[in-house]
Protein backbone atom coordinates (compact mmCIF):
# COMPACT_ATOMS: atom_id res chain seq x y z
CA UNK A 1 0.00 0.00 0.00
CA UNK A 2 1.10 3.56 -0.67
CA UNK A 3 1.28 4.62 3.01
CA UNK A 4 3.55 1.68 3.86
CA UNK A 5 6.00 2.69 1.13
CA UNK A 6 5.91 6.42 1.75
CA UNK A 7 9.05 6.34 3.96
CA UNK A 8 10.89 4.76 1.03
CA UNK A 9 9.95 7.47 -1.47
CA UNK A 10 9.43 10.52 0.75
CA UNK A 11 11.69 10.14 3.79
CA UNK A 12 12.23 13.09 6.11
CA UNK A 13 15.36 11.44 7.54
CA UNK A 14 17.87 8.96 6.10
CA UNK A 15 20.64 6.96 7.78
CA UNK A 16 23.51 5.42 5.80
CA UNK A 17 24.79 2.44 7.79
CA UNK A 18 28.38 1.59 6.86
CA UNK A 19 29.22 5.10 5.62
CA UNK A 20 32.91 5.38 4.79
CA UNK A 21 35.32 8.32 4.94
CA UNK A 22 37.40 6.73 2.14
CA UNK A 23 36.47 8.48 -1.16
CA UNK A 24 37.13 5.28 -3.12
CA UNK A 25 34.58 3.23 -1.14
CA UNK A 26 31.10 2.67 -2.55
CA UNK A 27 29.47 3.75 0.70
CA UNK A 28 31.33 7.08 0.58
CA UNK A 29 30.03 7.69 -2.94
CA UNK A 30 26.49 6.87 -1.80
CA UNK A 31 26.86 9.28 1.13
CA UNK A 32 28.07 12.03 -1.19
CA UNK A 33 25.06 11.45 -3.45
CA UNK A 34 22.66 11.45 -0.50
CA UNK A 35 24.18 14.63 0.95
CA UNK A 36 22.42 16.73 -1.72
CA UNK A 37 18.95 15.52 -0.70
CA UNK A 38 16.05 17.37 0.90
CA UNK A 39 16.08 15.37 4.15
CA UNK A 40 18.15 14.98 7.32
CA UNK A 41 21.12 12.67 6.76
CA UNK A 42 22.90 10.58 9.40
CA UNK A 43 26.10 8.61 8.58
CA UNK A 44 26.59 5.51 10.77
CA UNK A 45 30.07 4.06 11.37
CA UNK A 46 31.53 3.17 14.80
CA UNK A 47 35.09 4.04 13.65
CA UNK A 48 34.34 7.61 12.49
CA UNK A 49 33.12 10.75 14.25
CA UNK A 50 32.52 12.89 11.15
CA UNK A 51 32.24 12.36 7.39
CA UNK A 52 31.67 15.10 4.80
CA UNK A 53 31.03 17.53 7.64
CA UNK A 54 28.23 15.35 9.02
CA UNK A 55 28.34 13.92 12.54
CA UNK A 56 28.80 10.14 12.42
CA UNK A 57 27.06 7.79 14.86
CA UNK A 58 28.32 4.39 16.14
CA UNK A 59 24.96 2.72 15.53
CA UNK A 60 21.58 3.64 14.11
CA UNK A 61 20.34 3.17 17.69
CA UNK A 62 22.51 6.12 18.73
CA UNK A 63 20.88 8.56 16.32
CA UNK A 64 18.78 10.86 18.54
CA UNK A 65 16.06 11.50 15.93
CA UNK A 66 13.52 9.17 14.26
CA UNK A 67 14.73 7.57 11.01
CA UNK A 68 12.36 6.95 8.09
CA UNK A 69 14.79 5.26 5.69
CA UNK A 70 18.04 3.38 6.35
CA UNK A 71 20.48 2.34 3.65
CA UNK A 72 22.60 -0.64 4.75
CA UNK A 73 25.94 -0.64 2.93
CA UNK A 74 27.68 -3.54 4.67
CA UNK A 75 28.79 -7.07 3.70
CA UNK A 76 25.95 -9.58 3.61
CA UNK A 77 27.11 -11.23 6.83
CA UNK A 78 26.76 -7.95 8.75
CA UNK A 79 23.58 -6.71 7.09
CA UNK A 80 21.22 -8.95 9.07
CA UNK A 81 22.29 -7.53 12.44
CA UNK A 82 22.16 -3.98 11.08
CA UNK A 83 18.60 -4.60 9.88
CA UNK A 84 17.62 -5.93 13.31
CA UNK A 85 18.90 -2.67 14.83
CA UNK A 86 16.81 -0.73 12.31
CA UNK A 87 13.74 -2.66 13.48
CA UNK A 88 14.54 -1.80 17.11
CA UNK A 89 14.97 1.85 16.11
CA UNK A 90 11.59 1.87 14.41
CA UNK A 91 12.95 2.52 10.90
CA UNK A 92 10.11 2.02 8.42
CA UNK A 93 12.12 1.25 5.26
CA UNK A 94 15.53 -0.43 4.86
CA UNK A 95 17.50 -0.66 1.61
CA UNK A 96 20.08 -3.50 1.68
CA UNK A 97 22.54 -2.89 -1.14
CA UNK A 98 25.06 -5.71 -0.69
CA UNK A 99 25.18 -8.90 -2.76
CA UNK A 100 26.05 -12.33 -1.40
CA UNK A 101 22.51 -13.45 -0.65
CA UNK A 102 20.21 -15.88 -2.45
CA UNK A 103 21.92 -15.32 -5.80
CA UNK A 104 25.22 -16.65 -4.39
CA UNK A 105 24.07 -20.09 -3.20
CA UNK A 106 22.70 -21.92 -0.11
CA UNK A 107 24.68 -19.93 2.49
CA UNK A 108 23.54 -16.65 0.98
CA UNK A 109 19.97 -17.94 0.80
CA UNK A 110 20.14 -18.55 4.54
CA UNK A 111 21.26 -14.96 5.15
CA UNK A 112 18.41 -13.68 3.00
CA UNK A 113 15.92 -15.76 4.95
CA UNK A 114 17.35 -14.27 8.16
CA UNK A 115 16.73 -10.81 6.73
CA UNK A 116 13.10 -11.69 6.11
CA UNK A 117 12.75 -13.15 9.59
CA UNK A 118 14.22 -9.99 11.15
CA UNK A 119 11.26 -7.84 10.03
CA UNK A 120 8.48 -10.40 10.45
CA UNK A 121 5.61 -8.98 12.47
CA UNK A 122 7.01 -5.43 12.36
CA UNK A 123 6.16 -2.37 10.20
CA UNK A 124 9.72 -2.30 8.81
CA UNK A 125 10.06 -3.08 5.09
CA UNK A 126 13.12 -4.16 3.08
CA UNK A 127 14.10 -3.22 -0.48
CA UNK A 128 16.64 -5.69 -1.89
CA UNK A 129 19.05 -7.12 -1.01
CA UNK A 130 21.49 -6.98 -3.94
CA UNK A 131 20.10 -3.66 -5.16
CA UNK A 132 21.30 -0.25 -6.32
CA UNK A 133 18.51 1.20 -4.21
CA UNK A 134 16.35 4.15 -5.15
CA UNK A 135 16.48 7.49 -6.95
CA UNK A 136 13.80 10.18 -6.52
CA UNK A 137 15.05 13.30 -8.32
CA UNK A 138 12.37 15.66 -6.98
CA UNK A 139 13.77 15.38 -3.42
CA UNK A 140 17.37 14.46 -4.25
CA UNK A 141 17.07 10.93 -2.83
CA UNK A 142 19.94 9.03 -4.47
CA UNK A 143 21.24 5.83 -2.86
CA UNK A 144 23.20 4.75 -5.95
CA UNK A 145 26.87 4.03 -5.27
CA UNK A 146 27.99 5.33 -8.68
CA UNK A 147 29.54 8.83 -9.00
CA UNK A 148 27.28 11.35 -10.73
CA UNK A 149 30.20 12.58 -12.82
CA UNK A 150 30.46 9.11 -14.39
CA UNK A 151 26.77 8.30 -14.63
CA UNK A 152 24.27 11.04 -15.42
CA UNK A 153 21.08 11.39 -13.39
CA UNK A 154 17.86 12.60 -15.02
CA UNK A 155 15.76 15.38 -13.57
CA UNK A 156 12.23 15.08 -12.23
CA UNK A 157 9.67 13.75 -14.69
CA UNK A 158 6.73 11.41 -15.26
CA UNK A 159 8.24 7.92 -15.69
CA UNK A 160 8.74 5.45 -12.83
CA UNK A 161 11.38 2.82 -13.56
CA UNK A 162 11.51 -0.52 -11.68
CA UNK A 163 14.39 -2.88 -12.42
CA UNK A 164 15.57 -6.26 -11.23
CA UNK A 165 19.03 -5.38 -12.56
CA UNK A 166 21.22 -2.54 -11.34
CA UNK A 167 23.03 -2.24 -14.67
CA UNK A 168 19.76 -1.98 -16.62
CA UNK A 169 18.46 0.73 -14.29
CA UNK A 170 21.72 2.69 -14.54
CA UNK A 171 21.70 2.54 -18.35
CA UNK A 172 18.05 3.65 -18.30
CA UNK A 173 18.97 6.62 -16.11
CA UNK A 174 21.95 7.56 -18.28
CA UNK A 175 19.90 7.44 -21.48
CA UNK A 176 17.14 9.46 -19.81
CA UNK A 177 19.63 12.08 -18.62
CA UNK A 178 21.31 12.30 -22.04
CA UNK A 179 17.97 12.93 -23.79
CA UNK A 180 16.54 15.24 -21.07
CA UNK A 181 13.83 12.71 -20.21
CA UNK A 182 12.74 13.10 -16.58
CA UNK A 183 11.67 10.39 -14.15
CA UNK A 184 9.52 10.35 -11.02
CA UNK A 185 11.47 7.46 -9.43
CA UNK A 186 13.86 4.63 -10.17
CA UNK A 187 13.76 1.55 -7.93
CA UNK A 188 16.22 -1.34 -7.97
CA UNK A 189 14.27 -4.47 -7.01
CA UNK A 190 17.30 -6.68 -6.43
CA UNK A 191 16.37 -10.06 -4.94
CA UNK A 192 12.89 -8.90 -3.89
CA UNK A 193 12.99 -10.59 -0.48
CA UNK A 194 10.19 -8.30 0.76
CA UNK A 195 9.14 -5.35 -1.40
CA UNK A 196 8.46 -6.59 -4.93
CA UNK A 197 7.07 -5.28 -8.20
CA UNK A 198 3.39 -5.88 -7.40
CA UNK A 199 3.39 -3.68 -4.31
CA UNK A 200 5.32 -1.01 -6.17
CA UNK A 201 2.85 -1.12 -9.07
CA UNK A 202 0.04 -0.45 -6.60
CA UNK A 203 2.01 2.50 -5.24
CA UNK A 204 2.65 4.03 -8.66
CA UNK A 205 -0.89 3.41 -9.87
CA UNK A 206 -1.93 6.09 -7.35
CA UNK A 207 1.14 8.34 -7.64
CA UNK A 208 0.07 11.58 -9.35
CA UNK A 209 3.65 12.37 -10.41
CA UNK A 210 3.91 9.13 -12.43
CA UNK A 211 2.22 8.85 -15.84
CA UNK A 212 3.91 5.65 -17.02
CA UNK A 213 5.70 2.73 -15.35
CA UNK A 214 8.66 1.03 -17.07
CA UNK A 215 9.79 -2.35 -15.74
CA UNK A 216 12.72 -4.67 -16.28
CA UNK A 217 11.99 -8.11 -14.80
CA UNK A 218 13.80 -11.43 -14.89
CA UNK A 219 11.00 -13.16 -12.99
CA UNK A 220 7.54 -12.42 -11.66
CA UNK A 221 7.21 -12.64 -7.90
CA UNK A 222 3.54 -13.59 -8.17
CA UNK A 223 2.49 -13.73 -11.80
CA UNK A 224 -1.27 -14.00 -11.32
CA UNK A 225 -1.26 -11.07 -8.89
CA UNK A 226 0.78 -9.02 -11.37
CA UNK A 227 -1.93 -9.51 -13.99
CA UNK A 228 -4.70 -8.70 -11.50
CA UNK A 229 -2.98 -5.41 -10.62
CA UNK A 230 -2.10 -4.53 -14.21
CA UNK A 231 -5.61 -5.05 -15.62
CA UNK A 232 -7.29 -2.11 -13.85
CA UNK A 233 -4.10 -0.02 -13.74
CA UNK A 234 -3.51 0.02 -17.50
CA UNK A 235 -6.92 1.56 -18.07
CA UNK A 236 -5.63 4.85 -16.65
CA UNK A 237 -1.82 4.47 -16.56
CA UNK A 238 0.37 2.62 -19.09
CA UNK A 239 2.89 -0.08 -18.18
CA UNK A 240 5.79 -1.06 -20.47
CA UNK A 241 7.72 -4.21 -19.59
CA UNK A 242 11.07 -5.63 -20.67
CA UNK A 243 10.87 -9.27 -19.54
CA UNK A 244 14.13 -11.19 -19.96
CA UNK A 245 14.70 -14.91 -19.55
CA UNK A 246 12.56 -15.54 -22.64
CA UNK A 247 14.80 -18.41 -23.81
CA UNK A 248 16.27 -21.40 -22.02
CA UNK A 249 19.72 -19.76 -21.90
CA UNK A 250 18.28 -16.43 -20.77
CA UNK A 251 16.25 -18.15 -18.07
CA UNK A 252 19.36 -19.96 -16.78
CA UNK A 253 21.34 -16.68 -16.73
CA UNK A 254 18.55 -14.93 -14.81
CA UNK A 255 18.76 -17.59 -12.11
CA UNK A 256 22.47 -16.97 -11.67
CA UNK A 257 22.01 -13.19 -11.62
CA UNK A 258 19.29 -12.64 -9.02
CA UNK A 259 18.22 -16.12 -8.04
CA UNK A 260 15.17 -15.66 -10.26
CA UNK A 261 12.80 -18.49 -11.10
CA UNK A 262 12.16 -17.40 -14.68
CA UNK A 263 11.12 -20.58 -16.49
CA UNK A 264 7.76 -20.23 -18.19
CA UNK A 265 6.37 -20.21 -21.70
CA UNK A 266 7.14 -16.80 -23.16
CA UNK A 267 4.29 -17.18 -25.62
CA UNK A 268 1.91 -17.71 -22.70
CA UNK A 269 3.38 -14.68 -20.90
CA UNK A 270 3.04 -12.56 -24.02
CA UNK A 271 -0.61 -13.49 -24.45
CA UNK A 272 -1.42 -12.78 -20.80
CA UNK A 273 0.34 -9.39 -20.87
CA UNK A 274 -1.48 -8.41 -24.05
CA UNK A 275 -4.84 -9.24 -22.47
CA UNK A 276 -4.23 -6.87 -19.54
CA UNK A 277 -2.82 -4.05 -21.67
CA UNK A 278 0.89 -4.27 -20.76
CA UNK A 279 3.13 -3.08 -23.62
CA UNK A 280 6.24 -5.22 -24.15
CA UNK A 281 9.71 -3.94 -24.97
CA UNK A 282 12.54 -6.23 -26.09
CA UNK A 283 15.69 -4.23 -25.33
CA UNK A 284 16.80 -1.44 -23.03
CA UNK A 285 16.56 1.25 -25.74
CA UNK A 286 13.00 0.29 -26.62
CA UNK A 287 12.05 0.31 -22.93
CA UNK A 288 12.84 4.01 -22.52
CA UNK A 289 11.56 4.96 -25.98
CA UNK A 290 8.13 3.45 -25.40
CA UNK A 291 7.90 4.67 -21.81
CA UNK A 292 8.61 8.23 -22.97
CA UNK A 293 5.91 8.15 -25.66
CA UNK A 294 3.35 6.59 -23.33
CA UNK A 295 4.10 9.13 -20.57
CA UNK A 296 3.93 12.16 -22.87
CA UNK A 297 1.17 11.19 -25.31
CA UNK A 298 -0.72 8.35 -23.58
CA UNK A 299 -2.23 6.85 -26.73
CA UNK A 300 -3.45 7.67 -30.21
CA UNK A 301 -7.02 7.08 -31.36
CA UNK A 302 -6.16 4.93 -34.36
CA UNK A 303 -3.30 3.70 -36.53
CA UNK A 304 -3.41 6.21 -39.42
CA UNK A 305 -0.08 8.05 -39.57
CA UNK A 306 0.92 11.05 -41.66
CA UNK A 307 4.64 11.57 -42.29
CA UNK A 308 6.00 15.09 -42.80
CA UNK A 309 9.58 15.44 -44.06
CA UNK A 310 11.73 17.93 -45.95
CA UNK A 311 13.63 15.16 -47.73
CA UNK A 312 11.84 12.69 -49.98
CA UNK A 313 14.12 9.78 -49.08
CA UNK A 314 13.34 10.03 -45.38
CA UNK A 315 9.63 10.18 -46.16
CA UNK A 316 9.84 6.95 -48.17
CA UNK A 317 11.83 5.20 -45.42
CA UNK A 318 9.27 6.32 -42.85
CA UNK A 319 6.34 5.10 -44.99
CA UNK A 320 7.90 1.63 -45.24
CA UNK A 321 8.51 1.47 -41.48
CA UNK A 322 4.99 2.64 -40.73
CA UNK A 323 3.25 0.04 -42.90
CA UNK A 324 5.51 -3.03 -42.93
CA UNK A 325 4.49 -5.82 -40.56
CA UNK A 326 7.77 -7.71 -40.87
CA UNK A 327 10.23 -4.80 -40.71
CA UNK A 328 8.06 -2.05 -39.27
CA UNK A 329 5.19 -1.12 -36.95
CA UNK A 330 2.31 -2.55 -39.01
CA UNK A 331 0.35 0.73 -38.99
CA UNK A 332 -1.36 2.54 -41.86
CA UNK A 333 -0.37 5.60 -43.84
CA UNK A 334 -3.24 8.09 -43.56
CA UNK A 335 -5.19 9.01 -46.70
CA UNK A 336 -5.45 12.81 -46.71
CA UNK A 337 -8.82 14.29 -47.62
CA UNK A 338 -9.34 16.41 -50.75
CA UNK A 339 -9.90 19.46 -48.55
CA UNK A 340 -6.62 18.85 -46.70
CA UNK A 341 -4.70 18.50 -49.96
CA UNK A 342 -6.24 21.72 -51.35
CA UNK A 343 -5.15 23.61 -48.23
CA UNK A 344 -1.68 22.06 -48.38
CA UNK A 345 -1.24 23.22 -51.99
CA UNK A 346 -1.71 26.76 -50.72
CA UNK A 347 1.32 26.59 -48.39
CA UNK A 348 3.65 24.00 -49.94
CA UNK A 349 5.94 24.45 -52.98
CA UNK A 350 4.12 24.05 -56.31
CA UNK A 351 6.31 21.15 -57.41
CA UNK A 352 5.89 19.02 -54.24
CA UNK A 353 3.27 16.32 -53.74
CA UNK A 354 0.46 16.81 -51.23
CA UNK A 355 -0.07 13.07 -50.71
CA UNK A 356 1.25 11.17 -47.69
CA UNK A 357 4.23 11.18 -47.04
CA UNK A 358 4.61 14.94 -47.47
CA UNK A 359 7.90 16.25 -48.86
CA UNK A 360 8.27 19.92 -47.92
CA UNK A 361 11.59 20.05 -49.85
CA UNK A 362 14.72 22.05 -49.03
CA UNK A 363 12.71 25.27 -49.30
CA UNK A 364 10.92 24.45 -46.05
CA UNK A 365 10.73 27.06 -43.27
CA UNK A 366 9.50 27.21 -39.70
CA UNK A 367 6.36 28.95 -40.97
CA UNK A 368 5.68 26.24 -43.57
CA UNK A 369 6.02 23.51 -40.93
CA UNK A 370 3.59 25.44 -38.71
CA UNK A 371 0.99 25.82 -41.49
CA UNK A 372 1.29 22.20 -42.63
CA UNK A 373 0.94 20.82 -39.10
CA UNK A 374 -2.12 23.00 -38.47
CA UNK A 375 -3.80 21.74 -41.65
CA UNK A 376 -3.03 18.08 -40.91
CA UNK A 377 -4.33 18.34 -37.36
CA UNK A 378 -7.76 19.25 -38.75
CA UNK A 379 -8.00 16.16 -40.97
CA UNK A 380 -10.23 13.53 -39.27
CA UNK A 381 -8.39 10.79 -41.16
CA UNK A 382 -5.07 11.48 -39.40
CA UNK A 383 -4.48 9.87 -35.98
CA UNK A 384 -0.85 10.96 -35.49
CA UNK A 385 1.86 12.93 -37.25
CA UNK A 386 5.51 11.96 -37.50
CA UNK A 387 7.79 14.92 -38.24
CA UNK A 388 11.09 13.88 -39.77
CA UNK A 389 13.34 16.89 -39.21
CA UNK A 390 16.28 17.83 -41.39
CA UNK A 391 17.94 20.99 -40.08
CA UNK A 392 20.18 21.64 -43.08
CA UNK A 393 17.62 23.78 -45.03
CA UNK A 394 18.56 27.47 -44.54
CA UNK A 395 15.12 28.63 -43.41
CA UNK A 396 14.74 26.08 -40.60
CA UNK A 397 15.75 27.49 -37.21
CA UNK A 398 15.40 26.71 -33.53
CA UNK A 399 12.07 28.47 -33.78
CA UNK A 400 10.80 25.12 -35.01
CA UNK A 401 10.90 23.96 -31.38
CA UNK A 402 8.26 26.53 -30.44
CA UNK A 403 6.20 25.55 -33.50
CA UNK A 404 6.18 21.86 -32.55
CA UNK A 405 5.52 22.65 -28.89
CA UNK A 406 2.56 24.86 -29.76
CA UNK A 407 1.02 22.36 -32.16
CA UNK A 408 1.69 19.49 -29.76
CA UNK A 409 0.08 21.39 -26.87
CA UNK A 410 -3.04 22.14 -28.92
CA UNK A 411 -4.50 18.82 -27.79
CA UNK A 412 -5.40 17.88 -31.36
CA UNK A 413 -3.53 15.22 -33.37
CA UNK A 414 -0.39 14.08 -31.48
CA UNK A 415 3.06 14.72 -32.96
CA UNK A 416 6.16 12.53 -32.65
CA UNK A 417 9.50 13.81 -33.93
CA UNK A 418 12.47 12.06 -35.50
CA UNK A 419 15.72 13.77 -36.38
CA UNK A 420 18.98 12.29 -37.60
CA UNK A 421 22.26 14.19 -37.51
CA UNK A 422 25.09 15.52 -35.37
CA UNK A 423 25.59 17.50 -32.19
CA UNK A 424 23.38 20.43 -33.23
CA UNK A 425 20.52 18.05 -33.87
CA UNK A 426 21.04 16.31 -30.52
CA UNK A 427 20.69 19.69 -28.82
CA UNK A 428 17.40 20.26 -30.66
CA UNK A 429 16.12 16.85 -29.60
CA UNK A 430 16.85 17.66 -25.95
CA UNK A 431 14.97 20.95 -26.32
CA UNK A 432 11.91 19.10 -27.64
CA UNK A 433 12.12 16.75 -24.67
CA UNK A 434 12.34 19.68 -22.24
CA UNK A 435 8.99 20.82 -23.62
CA UNK A 436 7.39 17.39 -23.32
CA UNK A 437 7.39 16.61 -27.06
CA UNK A 438 8.55 13.03 -27.73
CA UNK A 439 11.60 13.17 -30.00
CA UNK A 440 13.92 10.39 -31.26
CA UNK A 441 17.29 10.29 -33.07
CA UNK A 442 16.06 7.91 -35.80
CA UNK A 443 12.96 7.36 -37.92
CA UNK A 444 12.55 3.78 -36.72
CA UNK A 445 12.55 4.71 -33.05
CA UNK A 446 9.87 7.34 -33.66
CA UNK A 447 7.73 4.92 -35.70
CA UNK A 448 8.17 2.20 -33.08
CA UNK A 449 6.91 4.62 -30.43
CA UNK A 450 3.86 5.37 -32.59
CA UNK A 451 3.24 1.62 -32.77
CA UNK A 452 3.11 1.41 -28.98
CA UNK A 453 0.75 4.41 -28.81
CA UNK A 454 -1.53 2.76 -31.37
CA UNK A 455 -1.55 -0.55 -29.49
CA UNK A 456 -2.46 1.23 -26.28
CA UNK A 457 -5.22 3.13 -28.05
CA UNK A 458 -6.63 -0.11 -29.44
CA UNK A 459 -6.55 -1.66 -25.97
CA UNK A 460 -8.41 1.26 -24.42
CA UNK A 461 -11.07 1.10 -27.13
CA UNK A 462 -11.45 -2.63 -26.52
CA UNK A 463 -11.92 -2.01 -22.79
CA UNK A 464 -14.72 0.49 -23.49
């Protein structure tokens, strides 16, 4: 339930147990990251009196104030006793970051069971073990033990990311930061000895700051319960899932990684997920691409796409990717009405075609893009527009960002942008993202996002 997890996501006080004064230690890096947060921070280490200008306590029991969240950064063999002290202190949420538990064999499994036993019958909850922990940008909560200068952190946004792999979550965060895509939270599930994906889904289904949940899972904790939670949730909030362990080799690797029990028919899983409206991704890039589109746009009403480009070749490539079922999204190219084509002839070059895909040619300008988008958004036969941007034409400027933002914000036909090029183009893409307009560095990634939006729209119509 949300109230039970509130200390995990909105703590007023945080203790780092095992904090180190050695800058090369992981627990020192975590302390440095936490020191920027909007909460009281208490380092715990019996061999230190002060770290980073913060008073250090011998034990969490010696901290004079209540503690909402404790991060245990100790070897597995010491983490159980530290967790017991957290229970005695009344700490409501404990993040155990160390490995060496169930994933390491029978001895580690025994330690993990001892962790579970230590909180039984108490209000204390455990995230992990074997986890990177949690990141909540809006309050500066960052338990990751990776330096920010080596691994970018995104700002506050609308996507919640849950991952059973630390590396996958870190790559997600780095890609989000690089493209200016914000997140509401990122949670490393680790071994899921207590808090697992189902409880977190319930939390985020009610979280007003989260508009889409992205998951990476190697196993379902309770598969039937997952489906029961997802069915009502996806009617108002999209879920995109990257489920690994789809093959025999992948399933075996998942067991060695997090002790996951991943064996199941992937075809059966795919069918069940489709029935409850969960959108599947198949690699880490697709996970963030689809989550971004679903968070920003939600869905599109149909599958009729109009492509707008200033280079004919890109328009043809986009048309193939839109329509192809084998090497594309399996959508339809919209048929523009006679009225739309008459209006387009009034603003486009005389020698360019007004049929879909539209080629605005190298004579395109910000004003032409604006007029064309406005005309297309009035056509009832167009469900979404994909703008393929080429910034080489002399009359295209950064003013195009304001044009796209204005047309996107009109609430009419949604717009998804693709742009392919160098550093200048990357800067433009980040500017689109800062304004909440989904933008991608390739035509295929933009079309793939439109495919997810169309599938979600079809699911919502089916539910009605």
